[in-house]
Amino acid sequence: MKKSILIVAAILLIISCKKADAAACEECVILYFETPQPINDSELNSFPNKFKGLYMNSDSTFIRIEEDRILEEYSWKLKIHKLTLDSTKTEYNIVNGKLNKKRYE
């Protein structure tokens, strides 16, 4: 009887622990709140499906909400003068009027 109570107590202890094993990445900012935000609300391990997706701001900044993280993405359009473009021929190929890093022979 004592062993079964001990096993049940150990299982409850393991289940009640908060998830703090997030994978670290070099460029990520990791935030951890001691209590759920807003206060008196339940703790979630992932974002709800209604919030997941790709969102765009007016300045073309993208925010992608995934299962367990929020990513910020940027895109730029660059104009390169033809004289400068000639000096990059050793690094890039021009295929159908577009720069391409792959080598086509």
PDB file of N, CA and C in Angstrom:
ATOM      1  N   MET A   1       0.820  -1.188   0.000  1.00  0.00           N
ATOM      2  CA  MET A   1       0.000   0.000   0.000  1.00  0.00           C
ATOM      3  C   MET A   1       0.868   1.258   0.000  1.00  0.00           C
ATOM      4  N   LYS A   2       1.923   1.238   0.831  1.00  0.00           N
ATOM      5  CA  LYS A   2       2.806   2.397   0.900  1.00  0.00           C
ATOM      6  C   LYS A   2       3.527   2.620  -0.428  1.00  0.00           C
ATOM      7  N   LYS A   3       3.878   1.512  -1.114  1.00  0.00           N
ATOM      8  CA  LYS A   3       4.567   1.639  -2.398  1.00  0.00           C
ATOM      9  C   LYS A   3       3.658   2.270  -3.449  1.00  0.00           C
ATOM     10  N   SER A   4       2.397   1.893  -3.454  1.00  0.00           N
ATOM     11  CA  SER A   4       1.476   2.454  -4.450  1.00  0.00           C
ATOM     12  C   SER A   4       1.239   3.945  -4.197  1.00  0.00           C
ATOM     13  N   ILE A   5       1.174   4.347  -2.931  1.00  0.00           N
ATOM     14  CA  ILE A   5       1.024   5.772  -2.607  1.00  0.00           C
ATOM     15  C   ILE A   5       2.270   6.536  -3.034  1.00  0.00           C
ATOM     16  N   LEU A   6       3.430   5.955  -2.817  1.00  0.00           N
ATOM     17  CA  LEU A   6       4.680   6.585  -3.224  1.00  0.00           C
ATOM     18  C   LEU A   6       4.758   6.721  -4.744  1.00  0.00           C
ATOM     19  N   ILE A   7       4.335   5.702  -5.468  1.00  0.00           N
ATOM     20  CA  ILE A   7       4.348   5.742  -6.934  1.00  0.00           C
ATOM     21  C   ILE A   7       3.375   6.802  -7.450  1.00  0.00           C
ATOM     22  N   VAL A   8       2.187   6.861  -6.881  1.00  0.00           N
ATOM     23  CA  VAL A   8       1.196   7.864  -7.289  1.00  0.00           C
ATOM     24  C   VAL A   8       1.717   9.270  -6.992  1.00  0.00           C
ATOM     25  N   ALA A   9       2.344   9.462  -5.836  1.00  0.00           N
ATOM     26  CA  ALA A   9       2.898  10.772  -5.481  1.00  0.00           C
ATOM     27  C   ALA A   9       4.015  11.165  -6.446  1.00  0.00           C
ATOM     28  N   ALA A  10       4.863  10.209  -6.822  1.00  0.00           N
ATOM     29  CA  ALA A  10       5.945  10.494  -7.767  1.00  0.00           C
ATOM     30  C   ALA A  10       5.394  10.861  -9.138  1.00  0.00           C
ATOM     31  N   ILE A  11       4.372  10.150  -9.588  1.00  0.00           N
ATOM     32  CA  ILE A  11       3.755  10.452 -10.887  1.00  0.00           C
ATOM     33  C   ILE A  11       3.115  11.836 -10.868  1.00  0.00           C
ATOM     34  N   LEU A  12       2.416  12.177  -9.805  1.00  0.00           N
ATOM     35  CA  LEU A  12       1.815  13.507  -9.693  1.00  0.00           C
ATOM     36  C   LEU A  12       2.877  14.602  -9.669  1.00  0.00           C
ATOM     37  N   LEU A  13       3.986  14.340  -9.017  1.00  0.00           N
ATOM     38  CA  LEU A  13       5.072  15.311  -8.967  1.00  0.00           C
ATOM     39  C   LEU A  13       5.654  15.548 -10.358  1.00  0.00           C
ATOM     40  N   ILE A  14       5.853  14.485 -11.107  1.00  0.00           N
ATOM     41  CA  ILE A  14       6.413  14.607 -12.460  1.00  0.00           C
ATOM     42  C   ILE A  14       5.438  15.310 -13.392  1.00  0.00           C
ATOM     43  N   ILE A  15       4.166  14.973 -13.314  1.00  0.00           N
ATOM     44  CA  ILE A  15       3.160  15.570 -14.194  1.00  0.00           C
ATOM     45  C   ILE A  15       2.964  17.052 -13.888  1.00  0.00           C
ATOM     46  N   SER A  16       3.067  17.436 -12.632  1.00  0.00           N
ATOM     47  CA  SER A  16       2.789  18.817 -12.255  1.00  0.00           C
ATOM     48  C   SER A  16       3.941  19.774 -12.538  1.00  0.00           C
ATOM     49  N   CYS A  17       5.092  19.271 -12.937  1.00  0.00           N
ATOM     50  CA  CYS A  17       6.230  20.145 -13.232  1.00  0.00           C
ATOM     51  C   CYS A  17       5.956  20.965 -14.481  1.00  0.00           C
ATOM     52  N   LYS A  18       6.410  22.217 -14.476  1.00  0.00           N
ATOM     53  CA  LYS A  18       6.230  23.085 -15.630  1.00  0.00           C
ATOM     54  C   LYS A  18       7.243  22.734 -16.706  1.00  0.00           C
ATOM     55  N   LYS A  19       6.861  23.018 -17.933  1.00  0.00           N
ATOM     56  CA  LYS A  19       7.740  22.728 -19.065  1.00  0.00           C
ATOM     57  C   LYS A  19       8.806  23.818 -19.145  1.00  0.00           C
ATOM     58  N   ALA A  20      10.058  23.455 -18.953  1.00  0.00           N
ATOM     59  CA  ALA A  20      11.155  24.416 -19.022  1.00  0.00           C
ATOM     60  C   ALA A  20      12.288  23.874 -19.871  1.00  0.00           C
ATOM     61  N   ASP A  21      11.980  22.949 -20.772  1.00  0.00           N
ATOM     62  CA  ASP A  21      13.020  22.323 -21.578  1.00  0.00           C
ATOM     63  C   ASP A  21      13.024  22.838 -23.012  1.00  0.00           C
ATOM     64  N   ALA A  22      12.810  24.130 -23.192  1.00  0.00           N
ATOM     65  CA  ALA A  22      12.787  24.710 -24.533  1.00  0.00           C
ATOM     66  C   ALA A  22      14.176  24.629 -25.153  1.00  0.00           C
ATOM     67  N   ALA A  23      14.208  24.266 -26.415  1.00  0.00           N
ATOM     68  CA  ALA A  23      15.482  24.171 -27.129  1.00  0.00           C
ATOM     69  C   ALA A  23      16.052  25.565 -27.354  1.00  0.00           C
ATOM     70  N   ALA A  24      17.301  25.738 -27.017  1.00  0.00           N
ATOM     71  CA  ALA A  24      17.940  27.041 -27.163  1.00  0.00           C
ATOM     72  C   ALA A  24      18.466  27.212 -28.578  1.00  0.00           C
ATOM     73  N   CYS A  25      18.394  28.414 -29.080  1.00  0.00           N
ATOM     74  CA  CYS A  25      19.021  28.732 -30.360  1.00  0.00           C
ATOM     75  C   CYS A  25      19.857  29.989 -30.162  1.00  0.00           C
ATOM     76  N   GLU A  26      20.834  30.177 -31.027  1.00  0.00           N
ATOM     77  CA  GLU A  26      21.811  31.250 -30.832  1.00  0.00           C
ATOM     78  C   GLU A  26      21.193  32.638 -30.950  1.00  0.00           C
ATOM     79  N   GLU A  27      20.268  32.830 -31.887  1.00  0.00           N
ATOM     80  CA  GLU A  27      19.722  34.156 -32.145  1.00  0.00           C
ATOM     81  C   GLU A  27      18.359  34.382 -31.489  1.00  0.00           C
ATOM     82  N   CYS A  28      17.879  33.425 -30.726  1.00  0.00           N
ATOM     83  CA  CYS A  28      16.545  33.527 -30.129  1.00  0.00           C
ATOM     84  C   CYS A  28      16.591  34.276 -28.802  1.00  0.00           C
ATOM     85  N   VAL A  29      15.530  34.992 -28.548  1.00  0.00           N
ATOM     86  CA  VAL A  29      15.329  35.616 -27.246  1.00  0.00           C
ATOM     87  C   VAL A  29      14.327  34.738 -26.511  1.00  0.00           C
ATOM     88  N   ILE A  30      14.719  34.220 -25.373  1.00  0.00           N
ATOM     89  CA  ILE A  30      13.864  33.303 -24.634  1.00  0.00           C
ATOM     90  C   ILE A  30      13.232  34.051 -23.466  1.00  0.00           C
ATOM     91  N   LEU A  31      11.919  34.024 -23.422  1.00  0.00           N
ATOM     92  CA  LEU A  31      11.180  34.669 -22.342  1.00  0.00           C
ATOM     93  C   LEU A  31      10.520  33.598 -21.493  1.00  0.00           C
ATOM     94  N   TYR A  32      10.551  33.795 -20.212  1.00  0.00           N
ATOM     95  CA  TYR A  32       9.891  32.864 -19.295  1.00  0.00           C
ATOM     96  C   TYR A  32       9.173  33.681 -18.232  1.00  0.00           C
ATOM     97  N   PHE A  33       7.904  33.434 -18.060  1.00  0.00           N
ATOM     98  CA  PHE A  33       7.114  34.110 -17.047  1.00  0.00           C
ATOM     99  C   PHE A  33       6.899  33.159 -15.881  1.00  0.00           C
ATOM    100  N   GLU A  34       7.102  33.648 -14.681  1.00  0.00           N
ATOM    101  CA  GLU A  34       6.901  32.831 -13.484  1.00  0.00           C
ATOM    102  C   GLU A  34       5.447  32.405 -13.340  1.00  0.00           C
ATOM    103  N   THR A  35       4.530  33.297 -13.673  1.00  0.00           N
ATOM    104  CA  THR A  35       3.105  32.970 -13.642  1.00  0.00           C
ATOM    105  C   THR A  35       2.540  33.198 -15.037  1.00  0.00           C
ATOM    106  N   PRO A  36       1.483  32.480 -15.404  1.00  0.00           N
ATOM    107  CA  PRO A  36       0.899  32.666 -16.734  1.00  0.00           C
ATOM    108  C   PRO A  36       0.425  34.101 -16.937  1.00  0.00           C
ATOM    109  N   GLN A  37       0.483  34.549 -18.178  1.00  0.00           N
ATOM    110  CA  GLN A  37       0.023  35.891 -18.525  1.00  0.00           C
ATOM    111  C   GLN A  37      -1.240  35.769 -19.349  1.00  0.00           C
ATOM    112  N   PRO A  38      -2.330  36.336 -19.038  1.00  0.00           N
ATOM    113  CA  PRO A  38      -2.626  37.145 -17.864  1.00  0.00           C
ATOM    114  C   PRO A  38      -2.702  36.290 -16.598  1.00  0.00           C
ATOM    115  N   ILE A  39      -2.596  36.946 -15.468  1.00  0.00           N
ATOM    116  CA  ILE A  39      -2.619  36.253 -14.178  1.00  0.00           C
ATOM    117  C   ILE A  39      -3.975  35.569 -14.006  1.00  0.00           C
ATOM    118  N   ASN A  40      -3.979  34.466 -13.315  1.00  0.00           N
ATOM    119  CA  ASN A  40      -5.176  33.648 -13.048  1.00  0.00           C
ATOM    120  C   ASN A  40      -5.715  32.977 -14.302  1.00  0.00           C
ATOM    121  N   ASP A  41      -4.859  32.731 -15.275  1.00  0.00           N
ATOM    122  CA  ASP A  41      -5.251  32.000 -16.481  1.00  0.00           C
ATOM    123  C   ASP A  41      -4.418  30.729 -16.553  1.00  0.00           C
ATOM    124  N   SER A  42      -4.856  29.762 -17.318  1.00  0.00           N
ATOM    125  CA  SER A  42      -4.141  28.486 -17.376  1.00  0.00           C
ATOM    126  C   SER A  42      -2.867  28.603 -18.210  1.00  0.00           C
ATOM    127  N   GLU A  43      -1.918  27.732 -17.933  1.00  0.00           N
ATOM    128  CA  GLU A  43      -0.640  27.721 -18.645  1.00  0.00           C
ATOM    129  C   GLU A  43      -0.789  26.914 -19.933  1.00  0.00           C
ATOM    130  N   LEU A  44      -0.265  27.441 -21.046  1.00  0.00           N
ATOM    131  CA  LEU A  44      -0.314  26.759 -22.337  1.00  0.00           C
ATOM    132  C   LEU A  44       1.083  26.334 -22.741  1.00  0.00           C
ATOM    133  N   ASN A  45       1.199  25.160 -23.368  1.00  0.00           N
ATOM    134  CA  ASN A  45       2.490  24.686 -23.860  1.00  0.00           C
ATOM    135  C   ASN A  45       2.741  25.096 -25.301  1.00  0.00           C
ATOM    136  N   SER A  46       1.708  25.531 -26.009  1.00  0.00           N
ATOM    137  CA  SER A  46       1.865  25.950 -27.398  1.00  0.00           C
ATOM    138  C   SER A  46       0.811  27.003 -27.718  1.00  0.00           C
ATOM    139  N   PHE A  47       0.984  27.656 -28.870  1.00  0.00           N
ATOM    140  CA  PHE A  47       0.025  28.661 -29.300  1.00  0.00           C
ATOM    141  C   PHE A  47      -1.223  27.981 -29.859  1.00  0.00           C
ATOM    142  N   PRO A  48      -2.401  28.505 -29.587  1.00  0.00           N
ATOM    143  CA  PRO A  48      -3.620  27.933 -30.173  1.00  0.00           C
ATOM    144  C   PRO A  48      -3.600  28.059 -31.702  1.00  0.00           C
ATOM    145  N   ASN A  49      -4.300  27.170 -32.385  1.00  0.00           N
ATOM    146  CA  ASN A  49      -4.310  27.151 -33.849  1.00  0.00           C
ATOM    147  C   ASN A  49      -4.818  28.451 -34.455  1.00  0.00           C
ATOM    148  N   LYS A  50      -5.726  29.138 -33.775  1.00  0.00           N
ATOM    149  CA  LYS A  50      -6.280  30.364 -34.351  1.00  0.00           C
ATOM    150  C   LYS A  50      -5.242  31.483 -34.436  1.00  0.00           C
ATOM    151  N   PHE A  51      -4.129  31.384 -33.698  1.00  0.00           N
ATOM    152  CA  PHE A  51      -3.087  32.401 -33.750  1.00  0.00           C
ATOM    153  C   PHE A  51      -1.922  32.013 -34.653  1.00  0.00           C
ATOM    154  N   LYS A  52      -1.818  30.757 -35.025  1.00  0.00           N
ATOM    155  CA  LYS A  52      -0.700  30.301 -35.850  1.00  0.00           C
ATOM    156  C   LYS A  52      -0.860  30.818 -37.268  1.00  0.00           C
ATOM    157  N   GLY A  53       0.273  31.155 -37.883  1.00  0.00           N
ATOM    158  CA  GLY A  53       0.225  31.610 -39.267  1.00  0.00           C
ATOM    159  C   GLY A  53       1.254  32.681 -39.530  1.00  0.00           C
ATOM    160  N   LEU A  54       1.127  33.314 -40.690  1.00  0.00           N
ATOM    161  CA  LEU A  54       2.054  34.350 -41.135  1.00  0.00           C
ATOM    162  C   LEU A  54       1.314  35.676 -41.166  1.00  0.00           C
ATOM    163  N   TYR A  55       1.859  36.678 -40.502  1.00  0.00           N
ATOM    164  CA  TYR A  55       1.258  38.001 -40.442  1.00  0.00           C
ATOM    165  C   TYR A  55       2.232  39.008 -41.034  1.00  0.00           C
ATOM    166  N   MET A  56       1.698  40.010 -41.776  1.00  0.00           N
ATOM    167  CA  MET A  56       2.559  41.020 -42.388  1.00  0.00           C
ATOM    168  C   MET A  56       2.186  42.402 -41.867  1.00  0.00           C
ATOM    169  N   ASN A  57       3.208  43.188 -41.544  1.00  0.00           N
ATOM    170  CA  ASN A  57       3.038  44.550 -41.090  1.00  0.00           C
ATOM    171  C   ASN A  57       3.059  45.476 -42.308  1.00  0.00           C
ATOM    172  N   SER A  58       2.752  46.744 -42.124  1.00  0.00           N
ATOM    173  CA  SER A  58       2.731  47.693 -43.238  1.00  0.00           C
ATOM    174  C   SER A  58       4.120  47.949 -43.819  1.00  0.00           C
ATOM    175  N   ASP A  59       5.183  47.704 -43.057  1.00  0.00           N
ATOM    176  CA  ASP A  59       6.544  47.901 -43.565  1.00  0.00           C
ATOM    177  C   ASP A  59       7.156  46.601 -44.088  1.00  0.00           C
ATOM    178  N   SER A  60       6.331  45.635 -44.458  1.00  0.00           N
ATOM    179  CA  SER A  60       6.743  44.337 -45.016  1.00  0.00           C
ATOM    180  C   SER A  60       7.562  43.500 -44.039  1.00  0.00           C
ATOM    181  N   THR A  61       7.356  43.694 -42.763  1.00  0.00           N
ATOM    182  CA  THR A  61       7.939  42.818 -41.757  1.00  0.00           C
ATOM    183  C   THR A  61       6.958  41.676 -41.525  1.00  0.00           C
ATOM    184  N   PHE A  62       7.460  40.458 -41.600  1.00  0.00           N
ATOM    185  CA  PHE A  62       6.612  39.291 -41.413  1.00  0.00           C
ATOM    186  C   PHE A  62       6.836  38.714 -40.022  1.00  0.00           C
ATOM    187  N   ILE A  63       5.770  38.277 -39.392  1.00  0.00           N
ATOM    188  CA  ILE A  63       5.852  37.554 -38.128  1.00  0.00           C
ATOM    189  C   ILE A  63       5.173  36.208 -38.341  1.00  0.00           C
ATOM    190  N   ARG A  64       5.922  35.143 -38.112  1.00  0.00           N
ATOM    191  CA  ARG A  64       5.393  33.791 -38.265  1.00  0.00           C
ATOM    192  C   ARG A  64       5.226  33.192 -36.873  1.00  0.00           C
ATOM    193  N   ILE A  65       4.006  32.791 -36.542  1.00  0.00           N
ATOM    194  CA  ILE A  65       3.724  32.147 -35.260  1.00  0.00           C
ATOM    195  C   ILE A  65       3.603  30.657 -35.518  1.00  0.00           C
ATOM    196  N   GLU A  66       4.488  29.905 -34.900  1.00  0.00           N
ATOM    197  CA  GLU A  66       4.506  28.454 -35.056  1.00  0.00           C
ATOM    198  C   GLU A  66       4.036  27.801 -33.763  1.00  0.00           C
ATOM    199  N   GLU A  67       4.217  26.514 -33.662  1.00  0.00           N
ATOM    200  CA  GLU A  67       3.745  25.735 -32.512  1.00  0.00           C
ATOM    201  C   GLU A  67       4.279  26.283 -31.186  1.00  0.00           C
ATOM    202  N   ASP A  68       5.584  26.593 -31.151  1.00  0.00           N
ATOM    203  CA  ASP A  68       6.207  26.959 -29.881  1.00  0.00           C
ATOM    204  C   ASP A  68       7.084  28.203 -29.951  1.00  0.00           C
ATOM    205  N   ARG A  69       6.967  28.986 -31.031  1.00  0.00           N
ATOM    206  CA  ARG A  69       7.825  30.173 -31.139  1.00  0.00           C
ATOM    207  C   ARG A  69       7.232  31.205 -32.081  1.00  0.00           C
ATOM    208  N   ILE A  70       7.763  32.423 -31.980  1.00  0.00           N
ATOM    209  CA  ILE A  70       7.390  33.524 -32.864  1.00  0.00           C
ATOM    210  C   ILE A  70       8.655  33.948 -33.595  1.00  0.00           C
ATOM    211  N   LEU A  71       8.595  33.956 -34.921  1.00  0.00           N
ATOM    212  CA  LEU A  71       9.746  34.308 -35.742  1.00  0.00           C
ATOM    213  C   LEU A  71       9.469  35.605 -36.489  1.00  0.00           C
ATOM    214  N   GLU A  72      10.490  36.443 -36.600  1.00  0.00           N
ATOM    215  CA  GLU A  72      10.376  37.688 -37.341  1.00  0.00           C
ATOM    216  C   GLU A  72      11.170  37.532 -38.627  1.00  0.00           C
ATOM    217  N   GLU A  73      10.548  37.841 -39.765  1.00  0.00           N
ATOM    218  CA  GLU A  73      11.193  37.659 -41.059  1.00  0.00           C
ATOM    219  C   GLU A  73      11.160  38.970 -41.831  1.00  0.00           C
ATOM    220  N   TYR A  74      12.231  39.229 -42.558  1.00  0.00           N
ATOM    221  CA  TYR A  74      12.335  40.418 -43.389  1.00  0.00           C
ATOM    222  C   TYR A  74      12.608  40.002 -44.828  1.00  0.00           C
ATOM    223  N   SER A  75      12.251  40.860 -45.760  1.00  0.00           N
ATOM    224  CA  SER A  75      12.651  40.654 -47.152  1.00  0.00           C
ATOM    225  C   SER A  75      12.995  42.020 -47.742  1.00  0.00           C
ATOM    226  N   TRP A  76      14.013  42.028 -48.576  1.00  0.00           N
ATOM    227  CA  TRP A  76      14.469  43.260 -49.198  1.00  0.00           C
ATOM    228  C   TRP A  76      14.545  43.075 -50.701  1.00  0.00           C
ATOM    229  N   LYS A  77      14.279  44.143 -51.424  1.00  0.00           N
ATOM    230  CA  LYS A  77      14.509  44.174 -52.860  1.00  0.00           C
ATOM    231  C   LYS A  77      15.669  45.132 -53.083  1.00  0.00           C
ATOM    232  N   LEU A  78      16.659  44.657 -53.790  1.00  0.00           N
ATOM    233  CA  LEU A  78      17.850  45.460 -54.036  1.00  0.00           C
ATOM    234  C   LEU A  78      17.969  45.773 -55.517  1.00  0.00           C
ATOM    235  N   LYS A  79      18.438  46.960 -55.814  1.00  0.00           N
ATOM    236  CA  LYS A  79      18.742  47.327 -57.193  1.00  0.00           C
ATOM    237  C   LYS A  79      20.257  47.402 -57.324  1.00  0.00           C
ATOM    238  N   ILE A  80      20.775  46.744 -58.356  1.00  0.00           N
ATOM    239  CA  ILE A  80      22.217  46.722 -58.589  1.00  0.00           C
ATOM    240  C   ILE A  80      22.482  47.304 -59.967  1.00  0.00           C
ATOM    241  N   HIS A  81      23.420  48.224 -60.039  1.00  0.00           N
ATOM    242  CA  HIS A  81      23.790  48.817 -61.319  1.00  0.00           C
ATOM    243  C   HIS A  81      24.496  47.773 -62.178  1.00  0.00           C
ATOM    244  N   LYS A  82      24.351  47.880 -63.496  1.00  0.00           N
ATOM    245  CA  LYS A  82      24.938  46.893 -64.409  1.00  0.00           C
ATOM    246  C   LYS A  82      26.455  46.816 -64.283  1.00  0.00           C
ATOM    247  N   LEU A  83      27.108  47.934 -64.015  1.00  0.00           N
ATOM    248  CA  LEU A  83      28.566  47.905 -63.866  1.00  0.00           C
ATOM    249  C   LEU A  83      28.970  47.096 -62.636  1.00  0.00           C
ATOM    250  N   THR A  84      28.222  47.222 -61.574  1.00  0.00           N
ATOM    251  CA  THR A  84      28.489  46.434 -60.373  1.00  0.00           C
ATOM    252  C   THR A  84      28.151  44.970 -60.610  1.00  0.00           C
ATOM    253  N   LEU A  85      27.131  44.728 -61.398  1.00  0.00           N
ATOM    254  CA  LEU A  85      26.696  43.371 -61.686  1.00  0.00           C
ATOM    255  C   LEU A  85      27.769  42.583 -62.426  1.00  0.00           C
ATOM    256  N   ASP A  86      28.515  43.250 -63.301  1.00  0.00           N
ATOM    257  CA  ASP A  86      29.583  42.566 -64.032  1.00  0.00           C
ATOM    258  C   ASP A  86      30.665  42.048 -63.100  1.00  0.00           C
ATOM    259  N   SER A  87      30.927  42.750 -62.006  1.00  0.00           N
ATOM    260  CA  SER A  87      31.970  42.310 -61.084  1.00  0.00           C
ATOM    261  C   SER A  87      31.509  41.137 -60.211  1.00  0.00           C
ATOM    262  N   THR A  88      30.225  40.851 -60.183  1.00  0.00           N
ATOM    263  CA  THR A  88      29.740  39.727 -59.380  1.00  0.00           C
ATOM    264  C   THR A  88      29.562  38.457 -60.204  1.00  0.00           C
ATOM    265  N   LYS A  89      29.964  38.480 -61.471  1.00  0.00           N
ATOM    266  CA  LYS A  89      29.782  37.308 -62.329  1.00  0.00           C
ATOM    267  C   LYS A  89      30.539  36.096 -61.811  1.00  0.00           C
ATOM    268  N   THR A  90      31.625  36.312 -61.094  1.00  0.00           N
ATOM    269  CA  THR A  90      32.379  35.171 -60.572  1.00  0.00           C
ATOM    270  C   THR A  90      31.631  34.473 -59.439  1.00  0.00           C
ATOM    271  N   GLU A  91      30.756  35.191 -58.747  1.00  0.00           N
ATOM    272  CA  GLU A  91      30.016  34.612 -57.627  1.00  0.00           C
ATOM    273  C   GLU A  91      28.616  34.157 -58.015  1.00  0.00           C
ATOM    274  N   TYR A  92      27.999  34.843 -58.963  1.00  0.00           N
ATOM    275  CA  TYR A  92      26.618  34.556 -59.343  1.00  0.00           C
ATOM    276  C   TYR A  92      26.513  34.359 -60.849  1.00  0.00           C
ATOM    277  N   ASN A  93      25.478  33.661 -61.276  1.00  0.00           N
ATOM    278  CA  ASN A  93      25.155  33.519 -62.686  1.00  0.00           C
ATOM    279  C   ASN A  93      23.868  34.270 -62.973  1.00  0.00           C
ATOM    280  N   ILE A  94      23.758  34.794 -64.176  1.00  0.00           N
ATOM    281  CA  ILE A  94      22.537  35.455 -64.593  1.00  0.00           C
ATOM    282  C   ILE A  94      21.759  34.463 -65.450  1.00  0.00           C
ATOM    283  N   VAL A  95      20.589  34.046 -64.974  1.00  0.00           N
ATOM    284  CA  VAL A  95      19.739  33.098 -65.691  1.00  0.00           C
ATOM    285  C   VAL A  95      18.388  33.764 -65.905  1.00  0.00           C
ATOM    286  N   ASN A  96      18.006  33.930 -67.166  1.00  0.00           N
ATOM    287  CA  ASN A  96      16.737  34.587 -67.525  1.00  0.00           C
ATOM    288  C   ASN A  96      16.620  35.973 -66.896  1.00  0.00           C
ATOM    289  N   GLY A  97      17.719  36.708 -66.862  1.00  0.00           N
ATOM    290  CA  GLY A  97      17.708  38.067 -66.336  1.00  0.00           C
ATOM    291  C   GLY A  97      17.682  38.165 -64.825  1.00  0.00           C
ATOM    292  N   LYS A  98      17.874  37.040 -64.119  1.00  0.00           N
ATOM    293  CA  LYS A  98      17.860  37.054 -62.653  1.00  0.00           C
ATOM    294  C   LYS A  98      19.167  36.485 -62.120  1.00  0.00           C
ATOM    295  N   LEU A  99      19.601  37.008 -60.975  1.00  0.00           N
ATOM    296  CA  LEU A  99      20.804  36.489 -60.333  1.00  0.00           C
ATOM    297  C   LEU A  99      20.517  35.124 -59.737  1.00  0.00           C
ATOM    298  N   ASN A 100      21.463  34.223 -59.905  1.00  0.00           N
ATOM    299  CA  ASN A 100      21.296  32.877 -59.383  1.00  0.00           C
ATOM    300  C   ASN A 100      22.643  32.405 -58.873  1.00  0.00           C
ATOM    301  N   LYS A 101      22.688  31.848 -57.678  1.00  0.00           N
ATOM    302  CA  LYS A 101      23.947  31.413 -57.098  1.00  0.00           C
ATOM    303  C   LYS A 101      24.351  30.023 -57.580  1.00  0.00           C
ATOM    304  N   LYS A 102      23.401  29.251 -58.126  1.00  0.00           N
ATOM    305  CA  LYS A 102      23.725  27.913 -58.619  1.00  0.00           C
ATOM    306  C   LYS A 102      24.541  28.016 -59.898  1.00  0.00           C
ATOM    307  N   ARG A 103      25.345  27.022 -60.118  1.00  0.00           N
ATOM    308  CA  ARG A 103      26.211  26.995 -61.293  1.00  0.00           C
ATOM    309  C   ARG A 103      25.551  26.167 -62.390  1.00  0.00           C
ATOM    310  N   TYR A 104      25.281  26.789 -63.531  1.00  0.00           N
ATOM    311  CA  TYR A 104      24.737  26.080 -64.696  1.00  0.00           C
ATOM    312  C   TYR A 104      25.788  26.095 -65.789  1.00  0.00           C
ATOM    313  N   GLU A 105      26.112  24.949 -66.324  1.00  0.00           N
ATOM    314  CA  GLU A 105      27.134  24.876 -67.376  1.00  0.00           C
ATOM    315  C   GLU A 105      26.547  24.329 -68.640  1.00  0.00           C
TER     316      GLU A 105
END
